[in-house]
Amino acid sequence: MRTLKILGLAMVVALGFAVFGLTLRSYVEKRLNESNYSHIQIGDSKQKIIELYGQPAEITDCSNYKKPSYLDVVRRDCVEVYWYRAFLEQWIFFLDKDGKVVHKAFNTSY
């Protein structure tokens, strides 16, 4: 019986460390992404984005952004979208055929 209590306590402690680690990682990633966002300007290369953010969580084409309701520059020039995500937030970079930023966006979901 005593062994089961110790094993249960060890599992709770391990789970606590895992949750703490994931929370800390998310917080650090979020703060780093926030800081880097202002360093990316229109016309910057995708290499600069990757230097600051690393590889994107997702890369999509711009087919969803060709509707009349989107910005002209995005409809006209966008060929690729880089997505970076942290808990409830995402940083999005729209790139042209030369790999240059034509638009950037930041979204928060609550």
N, C-alpha and C. Protein backbone atom coordinates (compact mmCIF):
# COMPACT_ATOMS: atom_id res chain seq x y z
N MET A 1 0.83 -1.20 0.00
CA MET A 1 0.00 0.00 0.00
C MET A 1 0.87 1.26 0.00
N ARG A 2 1.92 1.23 0.80
CA ARG A 2 2.83 2.38 0.87
C ARG A 2 3.53 2.60 -0.47
N THR A 3 3.88 1.54 -1.16
CA THR A 3 4.53 1.63 -2.46
C THR A 3 3.61 2.28 -3.49
N LEU A 4 2.33 1.95 -3.42
CA LEU A 4 1.36 2.56 -4.34
C LEU A 4 1.24 4.06 -4.10
N LYS A 5 1.25 4.50 -2.86
CA LYS A 5 1.19 5.93 -2.54
C LYS A 5 2.41 6.65 -3.08
N ILE A 6 3.58 6.05 -2.90
CA ILE A 6 4.82 6.67 -3.39
C ILE A 6 4.80 6.74 -4.91
N LEU A 7 4.37 5.66 -5.55
CA LEU A 7 4.27 5.64 -7.00
C LEU A 7 3.27 6.69 -7.50
N GLY A 8 2.14 6.80 -6.85
CA GLY A 8 1.13 7.80 -7.21
C GLY A 8 1.66 9.21 -7.05
N LEU A 9 2.36 9.46 -5.95
CA LEU A 9 2.95 10.78 -5.72
C LEU A 9 4.00 11.09 -6.77
N ALA A 10 4.81 10.12 -7.13
CA ALA A 10 5.84 10.31 -8.16
C ALA A 10 5.19 10.65 -9.51
N MET A 11 4.09 10.00 -9.82
CA MET A 11 3.39 10.28 -11.08
C MET A 11 2.81 11.69 -11.08
N VAL A 12 2.25 12.13 -9.97
CA VAL A 12 1.69 13.48 -9.87
C VAL A 12 2.80 14.52 -10.02
N VAL A 13 3.93 14.28 -9.37
CA VAL A 13 5.07 15.21 -9.48
C VAL A 13 5.59 15.25 -10.92
N ALA A 14 5.72 14.09 -11.55
CA ALA A 14 6.18 14.04 -12.94
C ALA A 14 5.21 14.78 -13.86
N LEU A 15 3.93 14.59 -13.66
CA LEU A 15 2.93 15.29 -14.46
C LEU A 15 3.02 16.79 -14.24
N GLY A 16 3.23 17.20 -12.99
CA GLY A 16 3.39 18.62 -12.68
C GLY A 16 4.58 19.23 -13.41
N PHE A 17 5.71 18.51 -13.42
CA PHE A 17 6.88 19.00 -14.14
C PHE A 17 6.62 19.09 -15.64
N ALA A 18 5.92 18.12 -16.19
CA ALA A 18 5.60 18.14 -17.62
C ALA A 18 4.72 19.33 -17.98
N VAL A 19 3.70 19.58 -17.19
CA VAL A 19 2.82 20.73 -17.43
C VAL A 19 3.59 22.03 -17.29
N PHE A 20 4.42 22.13 -16.27
CA PHE A 20 5.23 23.34 -16.07
C PHE A 20 6.16 23.55 -17.26
N GLY A 21 6.81 22.49 -17.74
CA GLY A 21 7.72 22.59 -18.88
C GLY A 21 7.03 23.06 -20.14
N LEU A 22 5.87 22.50 -20.41
CA LEU A 22 5.11 22.91 -21.60
C LEU A 22 4.64 24.36 -21.49
N THR A 23 4.21 24.75 -20.31
CA THR A 23 3.76 26.13 -20.10
C THR A 23 4.92 27.10 -20.27
N LEU A 24 6.06 26.78 -19.70
CA LEU A 24 7.24 27.64 -19.82
C LEU A 24 7.68 27.75 -21.28
N ARG A 25 7.70 26.64 -21.98
CA ARG A 25 8.09 26.65 -23.39
C ARG A 25 7.16 27.54 -24.20
N SER A 26 5.87 27.41 -23.98
CA SER A 26 4.89 28.21 -24.70
C SER A 26 5.07 29.69 -24.39
N TYR A 27 5.30 30.03 -23.14
CA TYR A 27 5.49 31.42 -22.74
C TYR A 27 6.73 32.01 -23.41
N VAL A 28 7.83 31.29 -23.38
CA VAL A 28 9.08 31.78 -23.98
C VAL A 28 8.91 31.94 -25.48
N GLU A 29 8.30 30.97 -26.13
CA GLU A 29 8.07 31.03 -27.57
C GLU A 29 7.18 32.23 -27.93
N LYS A 30 6.15 32.45 -27.16
CA LYS A 30 5.24 33.57 -27.39
C LYS A 30 5.97 34.90 -27.27
N ARG A 31 6.75 35.08 -26.22
CA ARG A 31 7.48 36.34 -26.01
C ARG A 31 8.52 36.56 -27.11
N LEU A 32 9.19 35.51 -27.53
CA LEU A 32 10.18 35.62 -28.59
C LEU A 32 9.51 36.01 -29.91
N ASN A 33 8.38 35.38 -30.23
CA ASN A 33 7.65 35.73 -31.45
C ASN A 33 7.15 37.17 -31.41
N GLU A 34 6.67 37.62 -30.27
CA GLU A 34 6.22 39.01 -30.14
C GLU A 34 7.37 39.97 -30.41
N SER A 35 8.51 39.68 -29.84
CA SER A 35 9.68 40.53 -30.01
C SER A 35 10.14 40.56 -31.47
N ASN A 36 10.15 39.42 -32.12
CA ASN A 36 10.63 39.33 -33.50
C ASN A 36 9.69 39.96 -34.51
N TYR A 37 8.40 40.03 -34.19
CA TYR A 37 7.40 40.53 -35.15
C TYR A 37 7.75 41.94 -35.64
N SER A 38 8.19 42.80 -34.76
CA SER A 38 8.51 44.17 -35.16
C SER A 38 9.78 44.25 -35.99
N HIS A 39 10.59 43.22 -35.97
CA HIS A 39 11.83 43.22 -36.75
C HIS A 39 11.60 42.82 -38.21
N ILE A 40 10.44 42.25 -38.51
CA ILE A 40 10.12 41.86 -39.90
C ILE A 40 9.35 43.01 -40.54
N GLN A 41 9.87 43.50 -41.65
CA GLN A 41 9.26 44.60 -42.38
C GLN A 41 8.84 44.14 -43.77
N ILE A 42 7.93 44.88 -44.39
CA ILE A 42 7.52 44.61 -45.76
C ILE A 42 8.77 44.68 -46.64
N GLY A 43 8.95 43.68 -47.48
CA GLY A 43 10.12 43.63 -48.36
C GLY A 43 11.24 42.75 -47.85
N ASP A 44 11.18 42.36 -46.57
CA ASP A 44 12.20 41.46 -46.02
C ASP A 44 12.07 40.07 -46.67
N SER A 45 13.15 39.33 -46.65
CA SER A 45 13.18 38.00 -47.28
C SER A 45 12.65 36.93 -46.34
N LYS A 46 12.26 35.80 -46.94
CA LYS A 46 11.82 34.67 -46.13
C LYS A 46 12.98 34.14 -45.29
N GLN A 47 14.22 34.34 -45.75
CA GLN A 47 15.38 33.91 -44.96
C GLN A 47 15.45 34.67 -43.64
N LYS A 48 15.11 35.95 -43.66
CA LYS A 48 15.12 36.73 -42.42
C LYS A 48 14.04 36.21 -41.46
N ILE A 49 12.88 35.87 -42.00
CA ILE A 49 11.82 35.31 -41.16
C ILE A 49 12.31 34.02 -40.50
N ILE A 50 12.91 33.15 -41.29
CA ILE A 50 13.38 31.87 -40.77
C ILE A 50 14.51 32.07 -39.76
N GLU A 51 15.39 33.07 -39.99
CA GLU A 51 16.45 33.37 -39.01
C GLU A 51 15.85 33.74 -37.66
N LEU A 52 14.80 34.56 -37.67
CA LEU A 52 14.20 35.04 -36.42
C LEU A 52 13.22 34.05 -35.80
N TYR A 53 12.44 33.38 -36.62
CA TYR A 53 11.37 32.52 -36.12
C TYR A 53 11.66 31.02 -36.21
N GLY A 54 12.60 30.64 -37.05
CA GLY A 54 12.80 29.22 -37.31
C GLY A 54 11.85 28.76 -38.41
N GLN A 55 11.76 27.46 -38.59
CA GLN A 55 10.86 26.91 -39.61
C GLN A 55 9.40 27.15 -39.22
N PRO A 56 8.56 27.52 -40.18
CA PRO A 56 7.15 27.76 -39.85
C PRO A 56 6.42 26.50 -39.42
N ALA A 57 5.39 26.71 -38.60
CA ALA A 57 4.54 25.59 -38.20
C ALA A 57 3.77 25.06 -39.39
N GLU A 58 3.47 25.95 -40.33
CA GLU A 58 2.71 25.57 -41.52
C GLU A 58 3.05 26.52 -42.65
N ILE A 59 3.09 26.00 -43.87
CA ILE A 59 3.26 26.81 -45.08
C ILE A 59 2.08 26.50 -45.98
N THR A 60 1.37 27.55 -46.40
CA THR A 60 0.23 27.35 -47.29
C THR A 60 0.38 28.23 -48.52
N ASP A 61 -0.43 27.93 -49.53
CA ASP A 61 -0.46 28.83 -50.68
C ASP A 61 -1.47 29.95 -50.37
N CYS A 62 -1.65 30.83 -51.29
CA CYS A 62 -2.50 32.01 -51.03
C CYS A 62 -3.89 31.89 -51.63
N SER A 63 -4.30 30.69 -51.99
CA SER A 63 -5.59 30.52 -52.66
C SER A 63 -6.76 31.02 -51.81
N ASN A 64 -6.66 30.97 -50.49
CA ASN A 64 -7.74 31.46 -49.63
C ASN A 64 -7.77 32.98 -49.53
N TYR A 65 -6.77 33.65 -50.06
CA TYR A 65 -6.67 35.10 -49.92
C TYR A 65 -6.87 35.83 -51.24
N LYS A 66 -7.47 35.20 -52.21
CA LYS A 66 -7.71 35.82 -53.52
C LYS A 66 -9.10 36.43 -53.64
N LYS A 67 -9.84 36.46 -52.54
CA LYS A 67 -11.19 37.02 -52.55
C LYS A 67 -11.13 38.55 -52.56
N PRO A 68 -12.15 39.20 -53.09
CA PRO A 68 -12.16 40.67 -53.15
C PRO A 68 -12.05 41.35 -51.79
N SER A 69 -12.41 40.67 -50.72
CA SER A 69 -12.39 41.32 -49.41
C SER A 69 -10.98 41.45 -48.83
N TYR A 70 -9.98 40.80 -49.43
CA TYR A 70 -8.62 40.88 -48.91
C TYR A 70 -7.87 42.06 -49.52
N LEU A 71 -6.79 42.45 -48.87
CA LEU A 71 -5.97 43.56 -49.33
C LEU A 71 -5.49 43.32 -50.76
N ASP A 72 -5.43 44.40 -51.55
CA ASP A 72 -4.99 44.27 -52.95
C ASP A 72 -3.61 43.63 -53.06
N VAL A 73 -2.68 44.05 -52.21
CA VAL A 73 -1.32 43.52 -52.29
C VAL A 73 -1.28 42.02 -52.02
N VAL A 74 -2.13 41.54 -51.14
CA VAL A 74 -2.18 40.11 -50.85
C VAL A 74 -2.81 39.37 -52.03
N ARG A 75 -3.92 39.87 -52.53
CA ARG A 75 -4.59 39.23 -53.68
C ARG A 75 -3.68 39.20 -54.90
N ARG A 76 -2.97 40.28 -55.13
CA ARG A 76 -2.16 40.42 -56.34
C ARG A 76 -0.82 39.68 -56.24
N ASP A 77 -0.12 39.81 -55.11
CA ASP A 77 1.28 39.38 -55.05
C ASP A 77 1.54 38.10 -54.25
N CYS A 78 0.65 37.72 -53.37
CA CYS A 78 0.92 36.60 -52.46
C CYS A 78 0.96 35.26 -53.19
N VAL A 79 2.00 34.47 -52.90
CA VAL A 79 2.07 33.10 -53.43
C VAL A 79 2.28 32.07 -52.32
N GLU A 80 2.70 32.53 -51.14
CA GLU A 80 3.01 31.61 -50.05
C GLU A 80 2.77 32.30 -48.71
N VAL A 81 2.29 31.53 -47.74
CA VAL A 81 2.01 32.07 -46.41
C VAL A 81 2.75 31.24 -45.37
N TYR A 82 3.50 31.91 -44.49
CA TYR A 82 4.21 31.26 -43.39
C TYR A 82 3.42 31.50 -42.11
N TRP A 83 3.14 30.43 -41.36
CA TRP A 83 2.37 30.49 -40.13
C TRP A 83 3.25 30.09 -38.95
N TYR A 84 3.25 30.92 -37.91
CA TYR A 84 3.94 30.62 -36.65
C TYR A 84 2.91 30.72 -35.54
N ARG A 85 2.90 29.74 -34.65
CA ARG A 85 1.85 29.69 -33.63
C ARG A 85 2.43 29.48 -32.24
N ALA A 86 1.76 30.11 -31.29
CA ALA A 86 1.96 29.85 -29.86
C ALA A 86 0.56 29.77 -29.28
N PHE A 87 0.44 29.45 -28.03
CA PHE A 87 -0.87 29.25 -27.40
C PHE A 87 -1.78 30.44 -27.65
N LEU A 88 -2.86 30.23 -28.39
CA LEU A 88 -3.91 31.20 -28.71
C LEU A 88 -3.45 32.37 -29.57
N GLU A 89 -2.25 32.32 -30.12
CA GLU A 89 -1.76 33.41 -30.96
C GLU A 89 -1.07 32.85 -32.20
N GLN A 90 -1.10 33.65 -33.27
CA GLN A 90 -0.38 33.26 -34.47
C GLN A 90 0.15 34.49 -35.19
N TRP A 91 1.32 34.31 -35.78
CA TRP A 91 1.99 35.34 -36.56
C TRP A 91 2.05 34.82 -37.98
N ILE A 92 1.59 35.64 -38.95
CA ILE A 92 1.40 35.18 -40.32
C ILE A 92 2.15 36.12 -41.25
N PHE A 93 2.92 35.54 -42.18
CA PHE A 93 3.69 36.32 -43.14
C PHE A 93 3.32 35.89 -44.55
N PHE A 94 2.93 36.86 -45.38
CA PHE A 94 2.52 36.63 -46.76
C PHE A 94 3.71 36.98 -47.66
N LEU A 95 4.10 36.03 -48.52
CA LEU A 95 5.30 36.20 -49.34
C LEU A 95 4.95 36.21 -50.83
N ASP A 96 5.72 36.98 -51.61
CA ASP A 96 5.51 37.02 -53.06
C ASP A 96 6.37 35.95 -53.74
N LYS A 97 6.38 35.97 -55.07
CA LYS A 97 7.10 34.95 -55.84
C LYS A 97 8.61 35.00 -55.62
N ASP A 98 9.12 36.13 -55.17
CA ASP A 98 10.56 36.28 -54.90
C ASP A 98 10.91 35.96 -53.45
N GLY A 99 9.92 35.54 -52.65
CA GLY A 99 10.16 35.22 -51.25
C GLY A 99 10.28 36.45 -50.37
N LYS A 100 9.68 37.55 -50.78
CA LYS A 100 9.71 38.79 -50.01
C LYS A 100 8.35 39.00 -49.31
N VAL A 101 8.39 39.58 -48.13
CA VAL A 101 7.17 39.83 -47.36
C VAL A 101 6.36 40.93 -48.04
N VAL A 102 5.08 40.64 -48.33
CA VAL A 102 4.18 41.66 -48.90
C VAL A 102 3.15 42.11 -47.86
N HIS A 103 2.96 41.30 -46.82
CA HIS A 103 2.02 41.65 -45.76
C HIS A 103 2.32 40.75 -44.57
N LYS A 104 2.01 41.24 -43.38
CA LYS A 104 2.15 40.41 -42.18
C LYS A 104 0.95 40.65 -41.29
N ALA A 105 0.63 39.66 -40.48
CA ALA A 105 -0.54 39.77 -39.60
C ALA A 105 -0.29 39.04 -38.30
N PHE A 106 -1.00 39.48 -37.28
CA PHE A 106 -0.93 38.87 -35.96
C PHE A 106 -2.36 38.64 -35.50
N ASN A 107 -2.68 37.42 -35.08
CA ASN A 107 -4.03 37.09 -34.63
C ASN A 107 -3.98 36.52 -33.22
N THR A 108 -4.97 36.90 -32.43
CA THR A 108 -5.15 36.34 -31.10
C THR A 108 -6.54 35.73 -31.03
N SER A 109 -6.64 34.54 -30.47
CA SER A 109 -7.93 33.86 -30.32
C SER A 109 -8.20 33.62 -28.85
N TYR A 110 -9.32 34.10 -28.37
CA TYR A 110 -9.69 33.87 -26.98
C TYR A 110 -11.04 33.23 -26.91
